[in-house]
Amino acid sequence: MQVFGKFKEVHDLEYLVKSYLYIPLKDENNEDILIDSDMIETLLKKKNKNVAGTVFLYNPCTAPIDLKVNEKLVNQGFRFDDKFYEVHIENEVRILGRSLKKYRGQLIEIKYLFNYNKENIEPTSVLEVFDMDLGKLKSSQLTVFAKNDNFHDAKNISYNGKFIFFAWGHKFDRHHNEISLYASNIAQWAAKTGKEIGFIYDRVKDEADSFEYTRFFKPASFGKLKLVIPPAIETVFSKDKIEPYRI
């Protein structure tokens, strides 16, 4: 599998603003037929044909394959030129990709709840700033993180393909009301698109409550879930229709 992305820098903060996973076709020797960034642009000219669906994760941490991950791109001489680059494959994307083999020759769009390109933002003060910023999105007030590059306008997100698979996690701090509302709005508006909606949930809440409270398990988990989530994702994508799946 391959992943391609576009990066943007705004006020010294770096974002992965577009990202696509490509599931390669096989040649006669059963080797992957890899593509380059130019081919991504060609495939995207016919999105209805070439984009199978969307997976929604939490936030990215990657870099072009010739650069180091989790080190600022600008410090490595990267030029933010609005072009696609092949990037390092994140662990969660790799886990998902193993279950997407039926989409060989197609793209899967990877969207993130937050596009800020940095490792492990959840237990830090970054979320406090996100929460404050989200309260300002509909106003003329300035935000710390770029409004259009870090966050989504839930009503106007463009989705291609047949399905939307949510896998951004499910532990939103009760003190971050704006983040919880933001995630919920994205999910609710996605459901109105008429596309197939999939996610992994457990017995703590039923399917309806899991969707309302956006309890969508991440591909990479710990403990027993580390063994349970990957086969659950495989089950979701082995069916003709993408649906919620309880573990």
Protein backbone atom coordinates (compact mmCIF):
# COMPACT_ATOMS: atom_id res chain seq x y z
CA MET A 1 0.00 0.00 0.00
CA GLN A 2 1.01 3.62 -0.50
CA VAL A 3 -0.11 6.89 1.07
CA PHE A 4 0.12 10.33 -0.53
CA GLY A 5 -0.46 13.67 1.13
CA LYS A 6 -0.38 17.44 0.75
CA PHE A 7 1.10 19.59 3.50
CA LYS A 8 0.53 23.22 4.39
CA GLU A 9 2.24 25.59 6.81
CA VAL A 10 0.32 28.46 8.42
CA HIS A 11 1.95 30.66 11.06
CA ASP A 12 4.68 28.11 11.81
CA LEU A 13 2.18 25.25 12.30
CA GLU A 14 2.09 22.32 9.88
CA TYR A 15 -0.98 20.50 8.60
CA LEU A 16 -1.66 17.47 6.44
CA VAL A 17 -4.55 18.93 4.46
CA LYS A 18 -5.19 16.08 1.98
CA SER A 19 -4.35 12.41 2.16
CA TYR A 20 -5.09 9.29 0.12
CA LEU A 21 -4.32 5.63 0.65
CA TYR A 22 -3.68 3.65 -2.54
CA ILE A 23 -4.20 -0.12 -2.62
CA PRO A 24 -1.90 -1.34 -5.44
CA LEU A 25 -2.82 -3.74 -8.18
CA LYS A 26 -0.67 -6.86 -8.63
CA ASP A 27 1.46 -7.82 -11.61
CA GLU A 28 1.87 -11.33 -13.04
CA ASN A 29 4.48 -12.10 -10.35
CA ASN A 30 2.09 -11.01 -7.59
CA GLU A 31 4.19 -7.92 -6.91
CA ASP A 32 2.57 -4.57 -6.12
CA ILE A 33 2.33 -2.15 -9.02
CA LEU A 34 3.29 1.11 -7.33
CA ILE A 35 2.36 4.59 -8.52
CA ASP A 36 3.82 8.07 -8.11
CA SER A 37 2.47 11.49 -7.16
CA ASP A 38 1.64 12.39 -10.75
CA MET A 39 -0.57 9.31 -11.02
CA ILE A 40 -2.48 10.40 -7.90
CA GLU A 41 -3.40 13.63 -9.65
CA THR A 42 -4.55 11.64 -12.68
CA LEU A 43 -6.71 9.31 -10.58
CA LEU A 44 -8.28 12.25 -8.76
CA LYS A 45 -9.51 13.74 -12.02
CA LYS A 46 -12.16 10.98 -11.93
CA LYS A 47 -12.95 10.79 -8.21
CA ASN A 48 -16.31 9.08 -8.71
CA LYS A 49 -14.54 6.17 -10.36
CA ASN A 50 -11.27 6.01 -8.47
CA VAL A 51 -12.10 6.92 -4.84
CA ALA A 52 -13.78 4.01 -3.07
CA GLY A 53 -14.63 5.81 0.16
CA THR A 54 -13.35 7.70 3.21
CA VAL A 55 -11.80 6.65 6.51
CA PHE A 56 -11.85 9.24 9.30
CA LEU A 57 -9.00 9.17 11.85
CA TYR A 58 -8.01 11.47 14.71
CA ASN A 59 -4.92 13.41 13.59
CA PRO A 60 -1.89 12.71 11.40
CA CYS A 61 1.78 12.30 12.16
CA THR A 62 3.70 11.62 8.98
CA ALA A 63 6.17 13.11 6.50
CA PRO A 64 7.33 12.61 2.92
CA ILE A 65 9.17 9.29 2.70
CA ASP A 66 12.57 10.97 2.32
CA LEU A 67 12.11 13.03 5.48
CA LYS A 68 11.87 12.22 9.19
CA VAL A 69 8.53 11.77 10.94
CA ASN A 70 7.72 13.89 14.01
CA GLU A 71 10.26 16.55 13.10
CA LYS A 72 9.10 19.83 11.59
CA LEU A 73 9.13 19.64 7.83
CA VAL A 74 10.30 23.23 7.43
CA ASN A 75 13.40 22.39 9.49
CA GLN A 76 14.20 19.62 6.99
CA GLY A 77 14.09 21.95 4.00
CA PHE A 78 10.63 20.93 2.82
CA ARG A 79 8.87 23.29 0.40
CA PHE A 80 5.12 23.67 0.89
CA ASP A 81 4.14 23.74 -2.78
CA ASP A 82 0.59 22.29 -2.84
CA LYS A 83 1.78 19.04 -4.42
CA PHE A 84 1.16 15.44 -3.39
CA TYR A 85 4.08 13.55 -1.86
CA GLU A 86 4.32 9.88 -1.01
CA VAL A 87 4.48 9.74 2.78
CA HIS A 88 5.37 7.32 5.57
CA ILE A 89 2.46 5.02 6.36
CA GLU A 90 1.12 5.57 9.86
CA ASN A 91 0.40 2.49 11.96
CA GLU A 92 -3.36 3.05 12.05
CA VAL A 93 -3.47 3.50 8.29
CA ARG A 94 -1.46 0.32 7.83
CA ILE A 95 -3.89 -1.65 10.01
CA LEU A 96 -6.82 -0.34 7.98
CA GLY A 97 -5.10 -0.94 4.67
CA ARG A 98 -4.69 -4.65 5.38
CA SER A 99 -8.49 -4.96 5.31
CA LEU A 100 -9.00 -2.96 2.10
CA LYS A 101 -7.55 -5.37 -0.46
CA LYS A 102 -10.81 -5.57 -2.38
CA TYR A 103 -10.21 -1.95 -3.41
CA ARG A 104 -7.04 -2.68 -5.38
CA GLY A 105 -6.38 -0.02 -7.97
CA GLN A 106 -8.49 2.52 -6.07
CA LEU A 107 -7.92 5.32 -3.60
CA ILE A 108 -9.27 5.62 -0.07
CA GLU A 109 -9.44 9.18 1.18
CA ILE A 110 -8.05 9.66 4.67
CA LYS A 111 -9.63 12.48 6.60
CA TYR A 112 -8.70 13.55 10.12
CA LEU A 113 -10.75 15.13 12.86
CA PHE A 114 -7.83 17.55 13.20
CA ASN A 115 -5.23 18.05 10.46
CA TYR A 116 -2.44 19.27 12.77
CA ASN A 117 0.52 17.08 11.82
CA LYS A 118 2.02 16.15 15.18
CA GLU A 119 2.38 12.99 17.23
CA ASN A 120 0.30 12.25 20.32
CA ILE A 121 -1.67 15.47 20.76
CA GLU A 122 -4.40 13.97 22.94
CA PRO A 123 -2.88 14.21 26.45
CA THR A 124 -1.42 17.66 25.91
CA SER A 125 -2.54 21.25 26.20
CA VAL A 126 -3.13 21.25 22.42
CA LEU A 127 -6.68 20.01 23.01
CA GLU A 128 -7.37 22.94 25.30
CA VAL A 129 -6.48 25.28 22.46
CA PHE A 130 -8.52 23.24 19.97
CA ASP A 131 -11.51 23.54 22.26
CA MET A 132 -11.13 27.31 22.53
CA ASP A 133 -10.58 27.66 18.78
CA LEU A 134 -13.70 25.64 17.96
CA GLY A 135 -15.77 28.10 19.94
CA LYS A 136 -14.53 30.86 17.61
CA LEU A 137 -14.97 29.16 14.24
CA LYS A 138 -18.22 30.90 13.37
CA SER A 139 -17.00 34.29 14.52
CA SER A 140 -14.46 36.78 13.18
CA GLN A 141 -12.16 36.09 16.13
CA LEU A 142 -8.66 34.87 15.39
CA THR A 143 -7.79 31.27 16.22
CA VAL A 144 -4.43 29.76 17.12
CA PHE A 145 -4.83 26.87 14.66
CA ALA A 146 -5.85 27.68 11.09
CA LYS A 147 -9.65 27.58 10.75
CA ASN A 148 -9.74 26.11 7.26
CA ASP A 149 -6.67 23.91 7.48
CA ASN A 150 -7.01 22.27 10.89
CA PHE A 151 -10.78 22.02 11.24
CA HIS A 152 -13.70 20.93 9.05
CA ASP A 153 -16.97 22.63 8.22
CA ALA A 154 -19.22 19.66 9.00
CA LYS A 155 -22.01 20.75 6.65
CA ASN A 156 -19.70 21.17 3.66
CA ILE A 157 -17.30 18.23 3.82
CA SER A 158 -16.99 16.60 0.41
CA TYR A 159 -17.12 12.80 0.45
CA ASN A 160 -16.40 10.55 -2.52
CA GLY A 161 -17.04 6.85 -2.91
CA LYS A 162 -19.63 4.61 -1.30
CA PHE A 163 -18.65 4.57 2.37
CA ILE A 164 -17.46 6.58 5.37
CA PHE A 165 -15.66 4.61 8.08
CA PHE A 166 -15.17 6.42 11.39
CA ALA A 167 -12.13 5.38 13.42
CA TRP A 168 -11.01 8.49 15.29
CA GLY A 169 -11.41 7.03 18.80
CA HIS A 170 -14.05 7.48 21.45
CA LYS A 171 -12.55 9.08 24.57
CA PHE A 172 -13.42 12.77 24.48
CA ASP A 173 -12.74 14.59 27.73
CA ARG A 174 -16.02 15.80 29.24
CA HIS A 175 -14.41 19.22 29.80
CA HIS A 176 -13.87 19.67 26.06
CA ASN A 177 -17.46 20.37 25.12
CA GLU A 178 -16.61 22.09 21.85
CA ILE A 179 -14.55 19.12 20.64
CA SER A 180 -17.34 16.68 21.47
CA LEU A 181 -19.87 18.85 19.66
CA TYR A 182 -17.53 19.25 16.69
CA ALA A 183 -17.08 15.48 16.34
CA SER A 184 -20.79 14.83 16.75
CA ASN A 185 -21.69 17.40 14.08
CA ILE A 186 -19.32 15.79 11.59
CA ALA A 187 -20.83 12.37 12.20
CA GLN A 188 -24.43 13.61 12.04
CA TRP A 189 -23.90 15.48 8.78
CA ALA A 190 -22.01 12.53 7.28
CA ALA A 191 -25.02 10.33 7.95
CA LYS A 192 -27.15 12.67 5.85
CA THR A 193 -25.06 11.99 2.74
CA GLY A 194 -26.75 8.64 2.23
CA LYS A 195 -23.41 6.82 2.10
CA GLU A 196 -22.71 3.58 3.93
CA ILE A 197 -21.53 4.39 7.48
CA GLY A 198 -19.23 2.05 9.39
CA PHE A 199 -17.51 2.07 12.77
CA ILE A 200 -16.49 -0.29 15.57
CA TYR A 201 -18.35 -0.08 18.88
CA ASP A 202 -18.71 -2.18 22.03
CA ARG A 203 -21.40 -3.22 24.50
CA VAL A 204 -21.05 -0.14 26.71
CA LYS A 205 -23.54 1.68 24.47
CA ASP A 206 -25.79 0.38 21.71
CA GLU A 207 -25.28 1.33 18.09
CA ALA A 208 -27.45 4.45 18.20
CA ASP A 209 -25.81 5.80 21.36
CA SER A 210 -22.34 4.93 20.08
CA PHE A 211 -23.04 7.02 16.99
CA GLU A 212 -24.57 9.90 18.95
CA TYR A 213 -21.61 10.05 21.33
CA THR A 214 -19.10 9.25 18.54
CA ARG A 215 -17.65 6.17 20.25
CA PHE A 216 -15.66 5.00 17.24
CA PHE A 217 -12.75 2.73 18.15
CA LYS A 218 -9.31 3.44 16.71
CA PRO A 219 -7.52 0.82 14.59
CA ALA A 220 -4.52 0.83 16.95
CA SER A 221 -5.49 0.01 20.55
CA PHE A 222 -3.96 -1.49 23.67
CA GLY A 223 -4.52 -4.61 25.76
CA LYS A 224 -7.19 -7.02 24.55
CA LEU A 225 -8.48 -4.49 22.02
CA LYS A 226 -5.18 -4.73 20.17
CA LEU A 227 -6.17 -8.25 19.19
CA VAL A 228 -9.87 -7.52 18.70
CA ILE A 229 -10.02 -4.35 16.58
CA PRO A 230 -8.05 -5.44 13.47
CA PRO A 231 -10.19 -8.55 12.81
CA ALA A 232 -13.32 -6.46 13.48
CA ILE A 233 -12.23 -4.00 10.78
CA GLU A 234 -11.58 -6.93 8.45
CA THR A 235 -15.11 -8.18 9.08
CA VAL A 236 -16.60 -4.76 8.32
CA PHE A 237 -14.87 -4.57 4.95
CA SER A 238 -15.44 -8.21 4.04
CA LYS A 239 -19.18 -7.57 3.67
CA ASP A 240 -20.94 -6.18 0.61
CA LYS A 241 -22.18 -3.20 2.61
CA ILE A 242 -20.18 -1.20 5.15
CA GLU A 243 -22.04 -1.11 8.50
CA PRO A 244 -21.39 -0.56 12.22
CA TYR A 245 -19.89 -3.61 13.92
CA ARG A 246 -20.06 -4.51 17.59
CA ILE A 247 -17.17 -6.19 19.39
